[in-house]
Amino acid sequence: MELLHLRYFVAVAEELNFSAAARKLHMAASPLSQRVKDLEHELGRRLFDRSTHHVALTDAGAALLPIARDVLDRVGSIRWRLDQATGPDRVTVLVGMPAGVHPALRERLTALAERVAGRFEVKRWPGTTSDLVAAVKDGRLALALARLPVQEASLDVLHVMTERLGAVVPADQFAGRDSVKLADLTELAYAKSPEEIMPAYFDQLDRQLHELGIKKRIQLSNTGYQGTSEIVSSGLGFSVSMLDEDSAMSGYRLDNMAVLPFEDFRAQLDTGLLWRHDRGSGGDLDDLVDTAKEIFAEPIVK
């Protein structure tokens, strides 16, 4: 049995969907399904009940899940336990940062770095939420700011910020407007940024917009957030982004763009601070996590 088999099993068990688990693991669904079947064959037990539209854990699968998580957590802790045993008194720790982190959160992170400077040297590390979560799980990152929701049993999550979202629209088509209704947007396409950089929340938002009458879509790839701005600025579509003018995302705005609050729809993006439970509870990051929880205790609302 290989550790990868356990990682694949846990991903499917948490998602109860092979396609979603495959996206999470950055692989195709077919080989993922085969690896799970290999594990079932080796253990001599079915771990999932499968049908076309349904995946559920069997009794054996439910029993294996906490065991597999424990094994993966122990293996994932090898790096930091070794660093703790052999490293210097003051260590460098990396904190994950997704794109567009609000300046208010950066200020709090700076305060954290100053408070723990005697023991930790805090450095920032960029990435998408999915990559940052994976890096916290395997010990490469000590902490990460990440877009919620994040559902990982081995991680603790502290909600640190809520940002209201509005419609980013071509300014010339909405001149004189200080708000917008969904009905005003039906003739425009919803411009979706590349899936690999978007937080999981925006998948849910996309479904909500579709159910509420926004049917047209422009799906971009390999463009970053700047590509979405080009679509909006040229009048081909609209997007959804932070309302707060102080948001770092305002740096992606081009001419002929306006951000208007929704009159009949509420959207918000939540950000959390993540760390491995075993590292923050009596582990090598105990002091760092305790200080972070003090500094980030009061969630910011913008």
Protein backbone atom coordinates (compact mmCIF):
# COMPACT_ATOMS: atom_id res chain seq x y z
CA MET A 1 0.00 0.00 0.00
CA GLU A 2 1.33 3.45 -0.91
CA LEU A 3 0.64 6.75 0.83
CA LEU A 4 -0.76 8.11 -2.44
CA HIS A 5 -3.52 5.49 -2.28
CA LEU A 6 -4.52 6.83 1.14
CA ARG A 7 -4.39 10.44 -0.11
CA TYR A 8 -6.64 9.52 -3.02
CA PHE A 9 -9.05 7.65 -0.74
CA VAL A 10 -9.30 10.57 1.72
CA ALA A 11 -9.90 13.09 -1.08
CA VAL A 12 -12.79 11.03 -2.47
CA ALA A 13 -14.17 10.35 1.02
CA GLU A 14 -14.22 14.09 1.79
CA GLU A 15 -15.78 15.13 -1.52
CA LEU A 16 -17.97 12.04 -2.15
CA ASN A 17 -17.48 12.91 -5.80
CA PHE A 18 -14.71 11.50 -7.97
CA SER A 19 -14.63 14.46 -10.37
CA ALA A 20 -14.41 17.01 -7.54
CA ALA A 21 -11.74 14.95 -5.78
CA ALA A 22 -9.76 14.68 -9.02
CA ARG A 23 -9.81 18.47 -9.47
CA LYS A 24 -8.64 18.86 -5.90
CA LEU A 25 -5.76 16.47 -6.58
CA HIS A 26 -4.95 18.02 -9.99
CA MET A 27 -5.48 14.74 -11.84
CA ALA A 28 -8.05 13.06 -14.08
CA ALA A 29 -11.02 11.20 -12.61
CA SER A 30 -10.35 7.91 -14.42
CA PRO A 31 -6.91 7.17 -12.91
CA LEU A 32 -8.18 8.33 -9.51
CA SER A 33 -11.03 5.82 -9.70
CA GLN A 34 -8.57 3.08 -10.69
CA ARG A 35 -6.23 3.87 -7.76
CA VAL A 36 -9.15 3.63 -5.34
CA LYS A 37 -10.13 0.28 -6.88
CA ASP A 38 -6.51 -0.88 -6.42
CA LEU A 39 -6.72 0.04 -2.73
CA GLU A 40 -10.03 -1.79 -2.37
CA HIS A 41 -8.51 -4.87 -4.02
CA GLU A 42 -5.49 -4.76 -1.70
CA LEU A 43 -7.66 -4.40 1.41
CA GLY A 44 -10.21 -6.92 0.22
CA ARG A 45 -13.10 -4.57 1.01
CA ARG A 46 -15.28 -2.14 -0.90
CA LEU A 47 -14.71 1.37 0.43
CA PHE A 48 -17.37 3.18 -1.62
CA ASP A 49 -20.82 2.44 -2.94
CA ARG A 50 -20.83 3.90 -6.45
CA SER A 51 -23.61 4.71 -8.88
CA THR A 52 -23.94 7.15 -11.76
CA HIS A 53 -25.09 10.01 -9.52
CA HIS A 54 -24.11 8.83 -6.07
CA VAL A 55 -20.96 8.02 -4.09
CA ALA A 56 -21.13 6.95 -0.44
CA LEU A 57 -18.75 5.41 2.05
CA THR A 58 -19.32 1.80 2.99
CA ASP A 59 -18.93 0.76 6.64
CA ALA A 60 -15.36 -0.27 5.81
CA GLY A 61 -14.70 3.09 4.16
CA ALA A 62 -16.09 5.00 7.14
CA ALA A 63 -13.86 2.95 9.44
CA LEU A 64 -10.77 3.55 7.28
CA LEU A 65 -11.21 7.33 6.99
CA PRO A 66 -9.98 8.35 10.49
CA ILE A 67 -7.16 5.78 10.25
CA ALA A 68 -6.03 7.14 6.87
CA ARG A 69 -6.21 10.73 8.08
CA ASP A 70 -4.10 9.85 11.12
CA VAL A 71 -1.45 8.14 8.98
CA LEU A 72 -1.27 11.08 6.56
CA ASP A 73 -1.11 13.58 9.42
CA ARG A 74 1.76 11.67 11.03
CA VAL A 75 3.68 11.52 7.78
CA GLY A 76 2.96 15.19 7.12
CA SER A 77 4.36 16.12 10.53
CA ILE A 78 7.76 14.51 9.85
CA ARG A 79 9.13 17.70 8.26
CA TRP A 80 8.27 20.06 11.10
CA ARG A 81 9.15 17.54 13.82
CA LEU A 82 12.58 17.10 12.26
CA ASP A 83 13.02 20.86 11.93
CA GLN A 84 11.99 21.27 15.55
CA ALA A 85 14.49 18.64 16.71
CA THR A 86 17.46 19.89 14.68
CA GLY A 87 16.77 23.53 13.83
CA PRO A 88 18.01 26.78 15.38
CA ASP A 89 16.16 28.66 18.12
CA ARG A 90 14.83 31.21 15.57
CA VAL A 91 13.27 29.70 12.49
CA THR A 92 11.87 31.03 9.24
CA VAL A 93 8.18 30.28 8.66
CA LEU A 94 6.18 30.84 5.49
CA VAL A 95 2.65 32.24 5.47
CA GLY A 96 0.53 31.61 2.37
CA MET A 97 -1.05 34.60 0.63
CA PRO A 98 -3.74 34.30 -2.08
CA ALA A 99 -4.07 37.01 -4.71
CA GLY A 100 -5.88 40.20 -3.72
CA VAL A 101 -5.40 39.97 0.06
CA HIS A 102 -6.87 43.11 1.63
CA PRO A 103 -4.33 45.63 3.03
CA ALA A 104 -5.99 45.37 6.46
CA LEU A 105 -5.03 41.69 6.64
CA ARG A 106 -1.50 42.52 5.52
CA GLU A 107 -1.28 44.99 8.40
CA ARG A 108 -2.29 42.31 10.86
CA LEU A 109 0.24 39.90 9.39
CA THR A 110 2.93 42.55 9.81
CA ALA A 111 1.88 42.94 13.45
CA LEU A 112 2.14 39.17 13.88
CA ALA A 113 5.66 39.15 12.41
CA GLU A 114 6.73 41.88 14.81
CA ARG A 115 5.22 40.14 17.85
CA VAL A 116 6.94 36.79 17.21
CA ALA A 117 10.23 38.15 15.84
CA GLY A 118 12.21 36.75 18.76
CA ARG A 119 11.49 33.16 17.71
CA PHE A 120 10.11 33.26 14.15
CA GLU A 121 11.05 35.09 10.97
CA VAL A 122 7.76 35.38 9.07
CA LYS A 123 7.89 35.38 5.25
CA ARG A 124 4.99 35.54 2.78
CA TRP A 125 4.43 32.92 0.07
CA PRO A 126 1.96 33.42 -2.85
CA GLY A 127 -0.43 30.86 -4.29
CA THR A 128 -4.01 29.88 -5.07
CA THR A 129 -6.17 28.77 -2.16
CA SER A 130 -6.06 25.09 -3.19
CA ASP A 131 -2.26 25.14 -3.44
CA LEU A 132 -1.88 26.98 -0.14
CA VAL A 133 -4.16 24.55 1.66
CA ALA A 134 -2.13 21.62 0.33
CA ALA A 135 1.11 23.32 1.44
CA VAL A 136 -0.19 23.86 4.98
CA LYS A 137 -1.30 20.22 5.13
CA ASP A 138 2.09 18.85 4.13
CA GLY A 139 4.06 21.25 6.35
CA ARG A 140 5.64 23.52 3.73
CA LEU A 141 3.66 26.50 5.06
CA ALA A 142 3.15 27.31 8.72
CA LEU A 143 0.00 29.37 8.18
CA ALA A 144 -2.05 30.55 5.22
CA LEU A 145 -4.67 33.13 4.50
CA ALA A 146 -7.16 31.37 2.25
CA ARG A 147 -10.54 32.02 0.67
CA LEU A 148 -13.33 30.11 2.40
CA PRO A 149 -14.87 27.59 2.43
CA VAL A 150 -12.00 25.25 3.26
CA GLN A 151 -12.93 21.82 4.58
CA GLU A 152 -9.88 19.86 5.68
CA ALA A 153 -10.09 17.76 8.83
CA SER A 154 -6.42 18.23 9.71
CA LEU A 155 -6.60 22.04 9.58
CA ASP A 156 -7.97 24.61 11.99
CA VAL A 157 -9.67 27.62 10.40
CA LEU A 158 -10.14 31.07 11.94
CA HIS A 159 -12.49 33.39 10.04
CA VAL A 160 -10.64 36.70 9.71
CA MET A 161 -12.44 38.79 7.08
CA THR A 162 -15.66 39.26 5.13
CA GLU A 163 -15.68 41.39 1.97
CA ARG A 164 -18.87 42.39 0.19
CA LEU A 165 -18.88 41.76 -3.53
CA GLY A 166 -20.43 43.85 -6.27
CA ALA A 167 -20.89 43.74 -10.03
CA VAL A 168 -17.95 44.98 -12.09
CA VAL A 169 -19.60 46.46 -15.18
CA PRO A 170 -18.74 48.54 -18.27
CA ALA A 171 -19.02 52.09 -16.90
CA ASP A 172 -20.43 53.58 -20.12
CA GLN A 173 -23.37 51.16 -20.07
CA PHE A 174 -24.25 52.03 -16.44
CA ALA A 175 -23.51 55.75 -16.38
CA GLY A 176 -25.20 57.54 -13.49
CA ARG A 177 -26.02 54.31 -11.66
CA ASP A 178 -25.00 53.71 -8.05
CA SER A 179 -26.36 50.15 -7.85
CA VAL A 180 -27.50 47.35 -10.14
CA LYS A 181 -30.16 44.63 -10.27
CA LEU A 182 -29.55 41.15 -11.67
CA ALA A 183 -32.15 41.87 -14.37
CA ASP A 184 -29.91 44.70 -15.61
CA LEU A 185 -27.13 42.19 -16.32
CA THR A 186 -28.94 39.49 -18.28
CA GLU A 187 -27.79 40.82 -21.67
CA LEU A 188 -24.15 40.74 -20.58
CA ALA A 189 -22.06 37.60 -20.24
CA TYR A 190 -20.65 36.70 -16.84
CA ALA A 191 -16.87 36.75 -17.36
CA LYS A 192 -15.33 33.91 -15.37
CA SER A 193 -11.67 34.14 -14.48
CA PRO A 194 -9.55 31.03 -15.06
CA GLU A 195 -10.73 28.22 -12.79
CA GLU A 196 -7.24 27.51 -11.50
CA ILE A 197 -6.99 30.93 -9.82
CA MET A 198 -10.55 31.34 -8.55
CA PRO A 199 -11.62 30.49 -4.98
CA ALA A 200 -14.11 27.63 -4.62
CA TYR A 201 -16.76 30.14 -3.49
CA PHE A 202 -17.00 31.46 -7.04
CA ASP A 203 -18.23 28.05 -8.28
CA GLN A 204 -21.17 28.42 -5.91
CA LEU A 205 -21.64 32.04 -6.99
CA ASP A 206 -21.66 31.01 -10.65
CA ARG A 207 -24.43 28.47 -9.98
CA GLN A 208 -26.48 31.06 -8.09
CA LEU A 209 -26.20 33.61 -10.88
CA HIS A 210 -27.24 31.00 -13.45
CA GLU A 211 -30.29 30.01 -11.38
CA LEU A 212 -31.23 33.68 -11.05
CA GLY A 213 -31.23 34.32 -14.80
CA ILE A 214 -27.63 35.15 -15.76
CA LYS A 215 -27.22 32.56 -18.53
CA LYS A 216 -24.41 33.89 -20.75
CA ARG A 217 -20.82 32.94 -19.90
CA ILE A 218 -17.32 33.80 -21.01
CA GLN A 219 -14.82 31.32 -19.57
CA LEU A 220 -11.26 32.61 -19.68
CA SER A 221 -8.04 30.61 -19.39
CA ASN A 222 -4.39 31.52 -18.97
CA THR A 223 -5.17 35.22 -18.52
CA GLY A 224 -5.22 35.93 -14.78
CA TYR A 225 -7.52 38.58 -13.33
CA GLN A 226 -6.33 41.10 -15.92
CA GLY A 227 -8.09 39.14 -18.65
CA THR A 228 -11.43 39.51 -16.88
CA SER A 229 -10.86 43.25 -16.64
CA GLU A 230 -10.24 43.44 -20.39
CA ILE A 231 -13.60 41.73 -21.08
CA VAL A 232 -15.48 44.14 -18.80
CA SER A 233 -13.65 47.25 -19.97
CA SER A 234 -14.43 46.43 -23.61
CA GLY A 235 -18.15 46.05 -22.82
CA LEU A 236 -18.44 42.31 -23.52
CA GLY A 237 -19.41 41.22 -20.03
CA PHE A 238 -19.41 41.76 -16.29
CA SER A 239 -17.63 40.16 -13.38
CA VAL A 240 -17.92 40.09 -9.59
CA SER A 241 -15.32 41.55 -7.26
CA MET A 242 -14.79 43.41 -3.98
CA LEU A 243 -16.74 46.62 -3.40
CA ASP A 244 -14.22 48.19 -1.05
CA GLU A 245 -12.05 50.75 -2.83
CA ASP A 246 -9.13 49.80 -0.57
CA SER A 247 -9.19 46.21 -1.80
CA ALA A 248 -6.05 45.05 -3.54
CA MET A 249 -8.29 43.82 -6.38
CA SER A 250 -8.93 47.46 -7.35
CA GLY A 251 -5.46 47.39 -8.87
CA TYR A 252 -6.82 45.22 -11.71
CA ARG A 253 -9.41 47.81 -12.77
CA LEU A 254 -9.05 49.44 -16.17
CA ASP A 255 -10.77 52.42 -17.75
CA ASN A 256 -14.50 52.10 -18.47
CA MET A 257 -15.07 49.92 -15.40
CA ALA A 258 -17.33 50.54 -12.41
CA VAL A 259 -18.06 48.41 -9.34
CA LEU A 260 -21.69 48.66 -8.23
CA PRO A 261 -23.47 47.01 -5.28
CA PHE A 262 -26.28 44.59 -6.06
CA GLU A 263 -29.79 45.74 -5.11
CA ASP A 264 -31.36 42.26 -5.07
CA PHE A 265 -28.48 39.86 -4.49
CA ARG A 266 -25.93 39.51 -1.71
CA ALA A 267 -22.48 38.13 -2.38
CA GLN A 268 -19.50 38.11 -0.06
CA LEU A 269 -16.05 36.56 0.06
CA ASP A 270 -14.78 35.23 3.38
CA THR A 271 -11.11 34.75 4.22
CA GLY A 272 -9.71 32.48 6.90
CA LEU A 273 -6.38 31.86 8.60
CA LEU A 274 -5.37 28.18 8.44
CA TRP A 275 -2.87 26.00 10.28
CA ARG A 276 -2.39 22.32 10.99
CA HIS A 277 -4.12 21.37 14.22
CA ASP A 278 -1.24 19.22 15.44
CA ARG A 279 1.30 22.01 14.87
CA GLY A 280 -0.75 24.62 16.72
CA SER A 281 -1.89 22.50 19.63
CA GLY A 282 1.23 21.64 21.57
CA GLY A 283 3.29 21.51 18.37
CA ASP A 284 6.18 23.52 16.99
CA LEU A 285 3.94 26.48 16.05
CA ASP A 286 2.10 26.73 19.36
CA ASP A 287 3.39 30.24 20.19
CA LEU A 288 2.94 31.49 16.63
CA VAL A 289 -0.65 30.24 16.39
CA ASP A 290 -1.62 31.58 19.83
CA THR A 291 -0.29 35.02 18.88
CA ALA A 292 -2.02 34.88 15.48
CA LYS A 293 -5.34 34.03 17.14
CA GLU A 294 -4.99 37.10 19.36
CA ILE A 295 -4.12 39.46 16.48
CA PHE A 296 -6.78 38.10 14.08
CA ALA A 297 -9.42 37.50 16.78
CA GLU A 298 -11.85 40.19 15.57
CA PRO A 299 -12.98 39.52 11.98
CA ILE A 300 -12.76 42.50 9.63
CA VAL A 301 -15.89 43.39 7.64
CA LYS A 302 -15.58 45.56 4.53
